[in-house]
Amino acid sequence: MAQDQKRNTIDIHIDLVKACKKNDRKAQFRLYELYSKAMFNTSLRIVKDRQIAEDIMQESFLSAYNSITDFREEVPFGVWLKKIIINKSLDHLRKNRPIFEELKEETLPGIEQGDRKESQIDNEKLIRSIKTALLELPDGYRIILSLSLFEGYDHEEIGQILNITTSTSRSQLTRAKKRLKEKLNKITKHHD
């Protein structure tokens, strides 16, 4: 009984997943409704193209449904699906662009935090500025930031996903944050 309670707290959608394992189309549609927006956003942060992100999301859901019997319920369904989305997004980039060139470089000295300037722009403008700056970053930096800040992966996991060392992941995240900060400074100065 305690094991069932633990499992239920791990994945609140486990009943839908079990129904999907029996090819229940309504359960598949419900899981799609629950996860599609988040999975689309995950892909979009990586590939930077709405149509491609949409295609990747659709393809990932199909892959998930086709291999749902492989899902062992050791992690929540959303975590398992997100890994599929990220891998398909990265596969797309690897096939279509030489994106990982900057990831192969090794570490640079750390970036100092410095003073954080209070922004005079409202939250909505700030969010738009961050999105704009993020989309302007080179693919490798954008991917590292997305995996770390938005998806919550640690450096070891990022290293495994991108096939880089943990120290390279750390240094690239530091560089990416510095580049993002520079772009945000330019954007906010432009709006002042």
N, C-alpha and C. Protein backbone atom coordinates (compact mmCIF):
# COMPACT_ATOMS: atom_id res chain seq x y z
N MET A 1 0.82 -1.19 0.00
CA MET A 1 0.00 0.00 0.00
C MET A 1 0.86 1.26 0.00
N ALA A 2 1.89 1.29 0.85
CA ALA A 2 2.78 2.46 0.89
C ALA A 2 3.46 2.66 -0.46
N GLN A 3 3.83 1.57 -1.12
CA GLN A 3 4.46 1.65 -2.44
C GLN A 3 3.50 2.29 -3.45
N ASP A 4 2.21 1.91 -3.41
CA ASP A 4 1.22 2.49 -4.31
C ASP A 4 1.05 3.98 -4.04
N GLN A 5 1.03 4.38 -2.76
CA GLN A 5 0.92 5.79 -2.43
C GLN A 5 2.13 6.56 -2.93
N LYS A 6 3.31 5.99 -2.76
CA LYS A 6 4.53 6.63 -3.23
C LYS A 6 4.49 6.80 -4.75
N ARG A 7 4.08 5.74 -5.44
CA ARG A 7 4.01 5.79 -6.90
C ARG A 7 3.00 6.84 -7.35
N ASN A 8 1.85 6.94 -6.66
CA ASN A 8 0.84 7.92 -7.03
C ASN A 8 1.34 9.35 -6.86
N THR A 9 2.17 9.60 -5.86
CA THR A 9 2.70 10.94 -5.69
C THR A 9 3.78 11.22 -6.73
N ILE A 10 4.40 10.20 -7.25
CA ILE A 10 5.42 10.39 -8.28
C ILE A 10 4.77 10.78 -9.61
N ASP A 11 3.68 10.14 -9.98
CA ASP A 11 3.07 10.39 -11.28
C ASP A 11 1.55 10.39 -11.13
N ILE A 12 0.99 11.59 -11.11
CA ILE A 12 -0.45 11.70 -10.91
C ILE A 12 -1.25 11.25 -12.12
N HIS A 13 -0.58 11.06 -13.25
CA HIS A 13 -1.27 10.65 -14.47
C HIS A 13 -1.04 9.19 -14.82
N ILE A 14 -0.66 8.41 -13.83
CA ILE A 14 -0.31 7.01 -14.08
C ILE A 14 -1.49 6.22 -14.65
N ASP A 15 -2.71 6.55 -14.23
CA ASP A 15 -3.88 5.84 -14.77
C ASP A 15 -4.04 6.11 -16.27
N LEU A 16 -3.77 7.33 -16.68
CA LEU A 16 -3.82 7.64 -18.12
C LEU A 16 -2.73 6.88 -18.88
N VAL A 17 -1.57 6.80 -18.29
CA VAL A 17 -0.46 6.08 -18.92
C VAL A 17 -0.82 4.60 -19.08
N LYS A 18 -1.39 4.03 -18.03
CA LYS A 18 -1.79 2.61 -18.10
C LYS A 18 -2.86 2.41 -19.17
N ALA A 19 -3.78 3.36 -19.30
CA ALA A 19 -4.80 3.26 -20.35
C ALA A 19 -4.15 3.38 -21.73
N CYS A 20 -3.13 4.22 -21.85
CA CYS A 20 -2.42 4.35 -23.13
C CYS A 20 -1.72 3.05 -23.50
N LYS A 21 -1.24 2.34 -22.50
CA LYS A 21 -0.59 1.06 -22.78
C LYS A 21 -1.58 0.06 -23.37
N LYS A 22 -2.89 0.32 -23.19
CA LYS A 22 -3.94 -0.52 -23.77
C LYS A 22 -4.51 0.11 -25.03
N ASN A 23 -3.78 1.07 -25.60
CA ASN A 23 -4.17 1.79 -26.82
C ASN A 23 -5.47 2.58 -26.69
N ASP A 24 -5.73 3.10 -25.51
CA ASP A 24 -6.91 3.92 -25.28
C ASP A 24 -6.68 5.30 -25.89
N ARG A 25 -7.38 5.61 -26.98
CA ARG A 25 -7.19 6.88 -27.71
C ARG A 25 -7.60 8.09 -26.86
N LYS A 26 -8.64 7.95 -26.05
CA LYS A 26 -9.06 9.06 -25.19
C LYS A 26 -7.97 9.39 -24.17
N ALA A 27 -7.35 8.38 -23.63
CA ALA A 27 -6.26 8.60 -22.67
C ALA A 27 -5.07 9.25 -23.37
N GLN A 28 -4.78 8.82 -24.59
CA GLN A 28 -3.69 9.44 -25.36
C GLN A 28 -3.98 10.91 -25.60
N PHE A 29 -5.21 11.21 -25.97
CA PHE A 29 -5.59 12.60 -26.22
C PHE A 29 -5.49 13.42 -24.93
N ARG A 30 -5.91 12.85 -23.82
CA ARG A 30 -5.86 13.56 -22.54
C ARG A 30 -4.41 13.86 -22.13
N LEU A 31 -3.52 12.88 -22.30
CA LEU A 31 -2.10 13.12 -22.01
C LEU A 31 -1.55 14.21 -22.92
N TYR A 32 -1.97 14.18 -24.17
CA TYR A 32 -1.54 15.21 -25.12
C TYR A 32 -1.99 16.58 -24.63
N GLU A 33 -3.26 16.68 -24.20
CA GLU A 33 -3.77 17.95 -23.69
C GLU A 33 -2.98 18.43 -22.47
N LEU A 34 -2.62 17.51 -21.62
CA LEU A 34 -1.92 17.86 -20.39
C LEU A 34 -0.48 18.30 -20.63
N TYR A 35 0.18 17.70 -21.61
CA TYR A 35 1.63 17.90 -21.76
C TYR A 35 2.05 18.66 -23.01
N SER A 36 1.19 18.84 -23.98
CA SER A 36 1.62 19.38 -25.27
C SER A 36 2.21 20.78 -25.18
N LYS A 37 1.59 21.67 -24.41
CA LYS A 37 2.10 23.04 -24.35
C LYS A 37 3.51 23.09 -23.75
N ALA A 38 3.71 22.39 -22.65
CA ALA A 38 5.04 22.38 -22.01
C ALA A 38 6.08 21.74 -22.92
N MET A 39 5.69 20.66 -23.61
CA MET A 39 6.64 19.96 -24.48
C MET A 39 6.95 20.80 -25.72
N PHE A 40 5.95 21.51 -26.23
CA PHE A 40 6.19 22.42 -27.36
C PHE A 40 7.19 23.49 -26.95
N ASN A 41 6.98 24.09 -25.78
CA ASN A 41 7.89 25.13 -25.30
C ASN A 41 9.31 24.61 -25.09
N THR A 42 9.43 23.39 -24.59
CA THR A 42 10.75 22.78 -24.42
C THR A 42 11.45 22.67 -25.77
N SER A 43 10.75 22.17 -26.77
CA SER A 43 11.34 22.03 -28.10
C SER A 43 11.64 23.39 -28.71
N LEU A 44 10.72 24.33 -28.57
CA LEU A 44 10.90 25.66 -29.16
C LEU A 44 12.14 26.35 -28.60
N ARG A 45 12.40 26.19 -27.32
CA ARG A 45 13.61 26.80 -26.74
C ARG A 45 14.87 26.22 -27.35
N ILE A 46 14.79 25.02 -27.84
CA ILE A 46 15.97 24.38 -28.43
C ILE A 46 16.09 24.68 -29.92
N VAL A 47 15.01 24.53 -30.68
CA VAL A 47 15.10 24.64 -32.14
C VAL A 47 14.81 26.04 -32.68
N LYS A 48 14.19 26.92 -31.87
CA LYS A 48 13.93 28.31 -32.25
C LYS A 48 12.97 28.48 -33.42
N ASP A 49 12.22 27.49 -33.79
CA ASP A 49 11.30 27.60 -34.91
C ASP A 49 9.98 26.95 -34.51
N ARG A 50 8.91 27.75 -34.55
CA ARG A 50 7.61 27.27 -34.07
C ARG A 50 7.12 26.05 -34.84
N GLN A 51 7.23 26.07 -36.16
CA GLN A 51 6.73 24.95 -36.96
C GLN A 51 7.54 23.68 -36.71
N ILE A 52 8.85 23.82 -36.64
CA ILE A 52 9.70 22.66 -36.37
C ILE A 52 9.42 22.12 -34.97
N ALA A 53 9.27 23.03 -33.99
CA ALA A 53 8.97 22.60 -32.62
C ALA A 53 7.63 21.85 -32.59
N GLU A 54 6.65 22.35 -33.32
CA GLU A 54 5.35 21.68 -33.39
C GLU A 54 5.50 20.28 -33.99
N ASP A 55 6.26 20.18 -35.08
CA ASP A 55 6.49 18.87 -35.72
C ASP A 55 7.21 17.91 -34.77
N ILE A 56 8.22 18.41 -34.10
CA ILE A 56 8.98 17.58 -33.15
C ILE A 56 8.08 17.12 -32.02
N MET A 57 7.24 18.03 -31.53
CA MET A 57 6.34 17.66 -30.45
C MET A 57 5.39 16.55 -30.90
N GLN A 58 4.81 16.70 -32.08
CA GLN A 58 3.89 15.68 -32.60
C GLN A 58 4.60 14.34 -32.77
N GLU A 59 5.77 14.39 -33.36
CA GLU A 59 6.57 13.18 -33.59
C GLU A 59 6.94 12.52 -32.25
N SER A 60 7.25 13.34 -31.26
CA SER A 60 7.63 12.81 -29.95
C SER A 60 6.46 12.13 -29.25
N PHE A 61 5.29 12.71 -29.36
CA PHE A 61 4.11 12.06 -28.78
C PHE A 61 3.85 10.73 -29.47
N LEU A 62 3.97 10.70 -30.79
CA LEU A 62 3.77 9.43 -31.51
C LEU A 62 4.80 8.40 -31.06
N SER A 63 6.05 8.82 -30.94
CA SER A 63 7.10 7.91 -30.47
C SER A 63 6.79 7.41 -29.06
N ALA A 64 6.34 8.33 -28.21
CA ALA A 64 6.02 7.95 -26.83
C ALA A 64 4.88 6.93 -26.81
N TYR A 65 3.85 7.18 -27.59
CA TYR A 65 2.71 6.24 -27.61
C TYR A 65 3.13 4.89 -28.19
N ASN A 66 3.99 4.92 -29.21
CA ASN A 66 4.44 3.67 -29.83
C ASN A 66 5.35 2.86 -28.92
N SER A 67 6.04 3.54 -28.01
CA SER A 67 6.96 2.82 -27.13
C SER A 67 6.51 2.89 -25.67
N ILE A 68 5.25 3.17 -25.45
CA ILE A 68 4.75 3.34 -24.08
C ILE A 68 4.91 2.08 -23.24
N THR A 69 4.95 0.93 -23.89
CA THR A 69 5.16 -0.31 -23.12
C THR A 69 6.56 -0.36 -22.52
N ASP A 70 7.48 0.44 -23.07
CA ASP A 70 8.84 0.52 -22.52
C ASP A 70 8.90 1.42 -21.29
N PHE A 71 7.87 2.23 -21.08
CA PHE A 71 7.83 3.13 -19.93
C PHE A 71 7.63 2.30 -18.67
N ARG A 72 8.60 2.34 -17.76
CA ARG A 72 8.62 1.48 -16.58
C ARG A 72 8.10 2.14 -15.31
N GLU A 73 7.59 3.34 -15.42
CA GLU A 73 6.99 4.04 -14.28
C GLU A 73 7.99 4.32 -13.16
N GLU A 74 9.28 4.35 -13.48
CA GLU A 74 10.31 4.67 -12.48
C GLU A 74 10.45 6.17 -12.30
N VAL A 75 10.02 6.93 -13.30
CA VAL A 75 9.99 8.39 -13.26
C VAL A 75 8.61 8.82 -13.73
N PRO A 76 8.21 10.04 -13.44
CA PRO A 76 6.92 10.51 -13.97
C PRO A 76 6.89 10.51 -15.50
N PHE A 77 5.73 10.29 -16.05
CA PHE A 77 5.57 10.26 -17.50
C PHE A 77 6.11 11.53 -18.14
N GLY A 78 5.84 12.69 -17.52
CA GLY A 78 6.31 13.96 -18.09
C GLY A 78 7.81 14.03 -18.22
N VAL A 79 8.53 13.48 -17.28
CA VAL A 79 10.00 13.46 -17.34
C VAL A 79 10.45 12.58 -18.50
N TRP A 80 9.82 11.43 -18.63
CA TRP A 80 10.14 10.49 -19.72
C TRP A 80 9.85 11.13 -21.07
N LEU A 81 8.70 11.78 -21.20
CA LEU A 81 8.32 12.44 -22.44
C LEU A 81 9.25 13.60 -22.75
N LYS A 82 9.62 14.38 -21.73
CA LYS A 82 10.51 15.52 -21.94
C LYS A 82 11.86 15.07 -22.49
N LYS A 83 12.33 13.92 -22.02
CA LYS A 83 13.61 13.40 -22.52
C LYS A 83 13.49 13.07 -24.02
N ILE A 84 12.35 12.50 -24.41
CA ILE A 84 12.11 12.21 -25.83
C ILE A 84 12.11 13.51 -26.63
N ILE A 85 11.40 14.53 -26.14
CA ILE A 85 11.31 15.83 -26.82
C ILE A 85 12.70 16.45 -26.98
N ILE A 86 13.46 16.46 -25.90
CA ILE A 86 14.80 17.06 -25.95
C ILE A 86 15.68 16.31 -26.94
N ASN A 87 15.67 14.99 -26.88
CA ASN A 87 16.51 14.21 -27.80
C ASN A 87 16.11 14.43 -29.25
N LYS A 88 14.83 14.47 -29.54
CA LYS A 88 14.38 14.71 -30.92
C LYS A 88 14.74 16.12 -31.37
N SER A 89 14.62 17.09 -30.47
CA SER A 89 14.99 18.46 -30.81
C SER A 89 16.48 18.57 -31.10
N LEU A 90 17.29 17.95 -30.26
CA LEU A 90 18.74 17.97 -30.48
C LEU A 90 19.11 17.21 -31.74
N ASP A 91 18.44 16.09 -32.00
CA ASP A 91 18.69 15.33 -33.23
C ASP A 91 18.40 16.19 -34.45
N HIS A 92 17.31 16.94 -34.40
CA HIS A 92 16.98 17.83 -35.51
C HIS A 92 18.11 18.83 -35.75
N LEU A 93 18.58 19.45 -34.68
CA LEU A 93 19.65 20.44 -34.82
C LEU A 93 20.94 19.81 -35.34
N ARG A 94 21.25 18.63 -34.84
CA ARG A 94 22.48 17.95 -35.28
C ARG A 94 22.42 17.64 -36.78
N LYS A 95 21.26 17.28 -37.25
CA LYS A 95 21.10 16.94 -38.67
C LYS A 95 21.09 18.17 -39.57
N ASN A 96 20.66 19.29 -39.04
CA ASN A 96 20.44 20.46 -39.88
C ASN A 96 21.40 21.62 -39.68
N ARG A 97 22.19 21.60 -38.63
CA ARG A 97 23.12 22.69 -38.37
C ARG A 97 24.33 22.18 -37.61
N PRO A 98 25.47 22.78 -37.87
CA PRO A 98 26.65 22.45 -37.05
C PRO A 98 26.63 23.26 -35.76
N ILE A 99 25.80 22.83 -34.79
CA ILE A 99 25.55 23.67 -33.63
C ILE A 99 26.48 23.47 -32.46
N PHE A 100 27.17 22.37 -32.42
CA PHE A 100 27.90 22.07 -31.20
C PHE A 100 29.36 22.49 -31.27
N GLU A 101 29.72 23.32 -32.23
CA GLU A 101 31.12 23.73 -32.34
C GLU A 101 31.59 24.45 -31.09
N GLU A 102 30.78 25.40 -30.59
CA GLU A 102 31.22 26.14 -29.40
C GLU A 102 31.20 25.28 -28.15
N LEU A 103 30.47 24.15 -28.16
CA LEU A 103 30.44 23.28 -27.00
C LEU A 103 31.72 22.48 -26.84
N LYS A 104 32.50 22.37 -27.87
CA LYS A 104 33.71 21.57 -27.81
C LYS A 104 34.88 22.32 -27.18
N GLU A 105 34.73 23.64 -27.06
CA GLU A 105 35.77 24.43 -26.44
C GLU A 105 35.78 24.16 -24.94
N GLU A 106 36.94 24.24 -24.34
CA GLU A 106 37.03 23.99 -22.90
C GLU A 106 36.86 25.28 -22.10
N THR A 107 36.96 25.18 -20.81
CA THR A 107 36.58 26.25 -19.90
C THR A 107 37.41 27.52 -20.03
N LEU A 108 36.73 28.60 -19.73
CA LEU A 108 37.36 29.92 -19.59
C LEU A 108 37.26 30.31 -18.12
N PRO A 109 37.99 31.32 -17.70
CA PRO A 109 37.84 31.76 -16.31
C PRO A 109 36.38 32.13 -16.01
N GLY A 110 35.99 31.98 -14.75
CA GLY A 110 34.60 32.25 -14.35
C GLY A 110 34.21 33.69 -14.55
N ILE A 111 32.94 33.89 -14.67
CA ILE A 111 32.39 35.23 -14.85
C ILE A 111 31.98 35.77 -13.48
N GLU A 112 32.36 37.00 -13.19
CA GLU A 112 31.97 37.60 -11.91
C GLU A 112 30.50 37.97 -11.96
N GLN A 113 29.84 37.82 -10.84
CA GLN A 113 28.42 38.13 -10.77
C GLN A 113 28.15 39.62 -10.98
N GLY A 114 28.94 40.46 -10.32
CA GLY A 114 28.75 41.90 -10.48
C GLY A 114 27.46 42.38 -9.85
N ASP A 115 27.25 43.66 -9.95
CA ASP A 115 26.03 44.24 -9.40
C ASP A 115 24.87 44.01 -10.34
N ARG A 116 23.71 43.74 -9.74
CA ARG A 116 22.52 43.54 -10.55
C ARG A 116 21.75 44.86 -10.61
N LYS A 117 21.64 45.37 -11.79
CA LYS A 117 20.97 46.66 -11.99
C LYS A 117 19.46 46.45 -11.95
N GLU A 118 18.79 47.29 -11.19
CA GLU A 118 17.33 47.22 -11.13
C GLU A 118 16.78 47.69 -12.46
N SER A 119 15.90 46.91 -13.01
CA SER A 119 15.31 47.24 -14.30
C SER A 119 14.08 48.12 -14.11
N GLN A 120 13.91 49.07 -14.99
CA GLN A 120 12.78 49.98 -14.93
C GLN A 120 11.62 49.51 -15.82
N ILE A 121 11.83 48.44 -16.55
CA ILE A 121 10.76 47.97 -17.42
C ILE A 121 9.88 46.99 -16.69
N ASP A 122 8.63 46.92 -17.06
CA ASP A 122 7.69 46.05 -16.37
C ASP A 122 7.96 44.58 -16.70
N ASN A 123 7.33 43.69 -15.95
CA ASN A 123 7.58 42.25 -16.09
C ASN A 123 7.31 41.73 -17.49
N GLU A 124 6.26 42.19 -18.12
CA GLU A 124 5.93 41.70 -19.47
C GLU A 124 7.03 42.05 -20.46
N LYS A 125 7.52 43.29 -20.40
CA LYS A 125 8.61 43.68 -21.29
C LYS A 125 9.88 42.91 -20.96
N LEU A 126 10.10 42.68 -19.67
CA LEU A 126 11.28 41.93 -19.26
C LEU A 126 11.23 40.50 -19.81
N ILE A 127 10.08 39.88 -19.71
CA ILE A 127 9.93 38.51 -20.24
C ILE A 127 10.17 38.51 -21.75
N ARG A 128 9.60 39.48 -22.46
CA ARG A 128 9.83 39.56 -23.92
C ARG A 128 11.31 39.78 -24.22
N SER A 129 11.95 40.62 -23.42
CA SER A 129 13.38 40.88 -23.62
C SER A 129 14.21 39.63 -23.41
N ILE A 130 13.88 38.87 -22.38
CA ILE A 130 14.61 37.63 -22.11
C ILE A 130 14.42 36.64 -23.25
N LYS A 131 13.18 36.50 -23.71
CA LYS A 131 12.91 35.59 -24.83
C LYS A 131 13.67 36.02 -26.07
N THR A 132 13.66 37.31 -26.36
CA THR A 132 14.37 37.83 -27.53
C THR A 132 15.86 37.56 -27.41
N ALA A 133 16.42 37.88 -26.25
CA ALA A 133 17.86 37.68 -26.04
C ALA A 133 18.21 36.20 -26.13
N LEU A 134 17.38 35.35 -25.56
CA LEU A 134 17.63 33.91 -25.59
C LEU A 134 17.63 33.40 -27.02
N LEU A 135 16.69 33.86 -27.83
CA LEU A 135 16.62 33.40 -29.22
C LEU A 135 17.79 33.90 -30.06
N GLU A 136 18.41 34.99 -29.63
CA GLU A 136 19.56 35.52 -30.37
C GLU A 136 20.87 34.82 -30.02
N LEU A 137 20.87 34.02 -28.99
CA LEU A 137 22.09 33.32 -28.59
C LEU A 137 22.44 32.23 -29.61
N PRO A 138 23.72 31.91 -29.74
CA PRO A 138 24.10 30.75 -30.56
C PRO A 138 23.42 29.49 -30.01
N ASP A 139 23.15 28.56 -30.88
CA ASP A 139 22.41 27.36 -30.50
C ASP A 139 22.97 26.66 -29.27
N GLY A 140 24.26 26.47 -29.23
CA GLY A 140 24.87 25.76 -28.11
C GLY A 140 24.61 26.43 -26.78
N TYR A 141 24.76 27.76 -26.75
CA TYR A 141 24.49 28.50 -25.52
C TYR A 141 23.02 28.41 -25.14
N ARG A 142 22.16 28.60 -26.13
CA ARG A 142 20.72 28.56 -25.87
C ARG A 142 20.31 27.19 -25.33
N ILE A 143 20.88 26.14 -25.87
CA ILE A 143 20.54 24.78 -25.44
C ILE A 143 21.01 24.55 -24.01
N ILE A 144 22.23 24.94 -23.71
CA ILE A 144 22.75 24.79 -22.35
C ILE A 144 21.86 25.54 -21.35
N LEU A 145 21.52 26.79 -21.66
CA LEU A 145 20.66 27.56 -20.77
C LEU A 145 19.30 26.90 -20.61
N SER A 146 18.73 26.45 -21.71
CA SER A 146 17.41 25.81 -21.66
C SER A 146 17.43 24.55 -20.81
N LEU A 147 18.43 23.72 -21.04
CA LEU A 147 18.51 22.47 -20.28
C LEU A 147 18.74 22.72 -18.81
N SER A 148 19.55 23.71 -18.49
CA SER A 148 19.87 23.98 -17.09
C SER A 148 18.77 24.78 -16.39
N LEU A 149 18.44 25.94 -16.93
CA LEU A 149 17.53 26.84 -16.24
C LEU A 149 16.07 26.46 -16.38
N PHE A 150 15.66 26.04 -17.57
CA PHE A 150 14.24 25.77 -17.80
C PHE A 150 13.86 24.32 -17.55
N GLU A 151 14.75 23.40 -17.91
CA GLU A 151 14.43 21.99 -17.76
C GLU A 151 14.95 21.40 -16.46
N GLY A 152 15.86 22.10 -15.80
CA GLY A 152 16.33 21.68 -14.49
C GLY A 152 17.37 20.58 -14.47
N TYR A 153 18.03 20.34 -15.60
CA TYR A 153 19.06 19.31 -15.62
C TYR A 153 20.33 19.82 -14.96
N ASP A 154 21.06 18.92 -14.27
CA ASP A 154 22.34 19.30 -13.69
C ASP A 154 23.43 19.09 -14.75
N HIS A 155 24.65 19.48 -14.41
CA HIS A 155 25.74 19.44 -15.40
C HIS A 155 26.06 18.01 -15.85
N GLU A 156 25.95 17.07 -14.96
CA GLU A 156 26.21 15.67 -15.35
C GLU A 156 25.17 15.20 -16.37
N GLU A 157 23.91 15.54 -16.14
CA GLU A 157 22.85 15.14 -17.08
C GLU A 157 23.01 15.86 -18.41
N ILE A 158 23.35 17.15 -18.36
CA ILE A 158 23.56 17.91 -19.60
C ILE A 158 24.72 17.30 -20.37
N GLY A 159 25.78 16.94 -19.66
CA GLY A 159 26.93 16.31 -20.31
C GLY A 159 26.54 15.03 -21.02
N GLN A 160 25.69 14.23 -20.39
CA GLN A 160 25.24 12.99 -21.01
C GLN A 160 24.36 13.27 -22.23
N ILE A 161 23.46 14.22 -22.11
CA ILE A 161 22.56 14.55 -23.22
C ILE A 161 23.34 15.07 -24.42
N LEU A 162 24.30 15.96 -24.18
CA LEU A 162 25.03 16.61 -25.26
C LEU A 162 26.36 15.94 -25.60
N ASN A 163 26.68 14.89 -24.86
CA ASN A 163 27.93 14.18 -25.08
C ASN A 163 29.15 15.09 -24.90
N ILE A 164 29.12 15.83 -23.77
CA ILE A 164 30.23 16.71 -23.41
C ILE A 164 30.58 16.43 -21.95
N THR A 165 31.72 16.94 -21.49
CA THR A 165 32.11 16.74 -20.10
C THR A 165 31.31 17.68 -19.19
N THR A 166 31.27 17.34 -17.91
CA THR A 166 30.57 18.21 -16.96
C THR A 166 31.28 19.57 -16.85
N SER A 167 32.60 19.57 -16.95
CA SER A 167 33.31 20.86 -16.88
C SER A 167 33.00 21.72 -18.11
N THR A 168 32.84 21.10 -19.26
CA THR A 168 32.45 21.85 -20.45
C THR A 168 31.04 22.40 -20.28
N SER A 169 30.16 21.60 -19.70
CA SER A 169 28.80 22.06 -19.44
C SER A 169 28.82 23.29 -18.52
N ARG A 170 29.62 23.21 -17.45
CA ARG A 170 29.71 24.34 -16.52
C ARG A 170 30.25 25.59 -17.22
N SER A 171 31.32 25.42 -17.96
CA SER A 171 31.92 26.59 -18.61
C SER A 171 30.98 27.17 -19.67
N GLN A 172 30.29 26.31 -20.41
CA GLN A 172 29.37 26.80 -21.43
C GLN A 172 28.18 27.52 -20.80
N LEU A 173 27.71 27.02 -19.65
CA LEU A 173 26.62 27.69 -18.96
C LEU A 173 27.07 29.08 -18.49
N THR A 174 28.27 29.16 -17.97
CA THR A 174 28.81 30.45 -17.53
C THR A 174 28.91 31.40 -18.71
N ARG A 175 29.45 30.93 -19.83
CA ARG A 175 29.55 31.76 -21.03
C ARG A 175 28.17 32.18 -21.53
N ALA A 176 27.25 31.22 -21.53
CA ALA A 176 25.90 31.51 -22.01
C ALA A 176 25.23 32.56 -21.15
N LYS A 177 25.39 32.47 -19.83
CA LYS A 177 24.80 33.47 -18.94
C LYS A 177 25.42 34.84 -19.20
N LYS A 178 26.72 34.88 -19.41
CA LYS A 178 27.40 36.14 -19.69
C LYS A 178 26.86 36.74 -20.99
N ARG A 179 26.76 35.91 -22.02
CA ARG A 179 26.27 36.39 -23.32
C ARG A 179 24.82 36.85 -23.21
N LEU A 180 24.00 36.10 -22.47
CA LEU A 180 22.61 36.48 -22.27
C LEU A 180 22.52 37.83 -21.55
N LYS A 181 23.33 38.00 -20.53
CA LYS A 181 23.35 39.26 -19.77
C LYS A 181 23.74 40.42 -20.69
N GLU A 182 24.74 40.22 -21.55
CA GLU A 182 25.16 41.26 -22.48
C GLU A 182 24.02 41.63 -23.42
N LYS A 183 23.33 40.63 -23.94
CA LYS A 183 22.22 40.88 -24.86
C LYS A 183 21.07 41.59 -24.14
N LEU A 184 20.80 41.18 -22.91
CA LEU A 184 19.74 41.83 -22.14
C LEU A 184 20.08 43.29 -21.86
N ASN A 185 21.34 43.56 -21.56
CA ASN A 185 21.77 44.94 -21.33
C ASN A 185 21.55 45.79 -22.56
N LYS A 186 21.88 45.24 -23.74
CA LYS A 186 21.67 45.98 -24.99
C LYS A 186 20.19 46.22 -25.24
N ILE A 187 19.39 45.21 -25.00
CA ILE A 187 17.94 45.33 -25.24
C ILE A 187 17.32 46.34 -24.29
N THR A 188 17.69 46.25 -23.00
CA THR A 188 17.09 47.18 -22.04
C THR A 188 17.58 48.61 -22.24
N LYS A 189 18.81 48.80 -22.65
CA LYS A 189 19.31 50.14 -22.96
C LYS A 189 18.58 50.71 -24.17
N HIS A 190 18.27 49.86 -25.12
CA HIS A 190 17.56 50.27 -26.33
C HIS A 190 16.14 50.74 -25.98
N HIS A 191 15.53 50.13 -24.94
CA HIS A 191 14.17 50.47 -24.56
C HIS A 191 14.10 51.66 -23.60
N ASP A 192 15.25 52.06 -23.05
CA ASP A 192 15.26 53.18 -22.09
C ASP A 192 15.06 54.51 -22.78
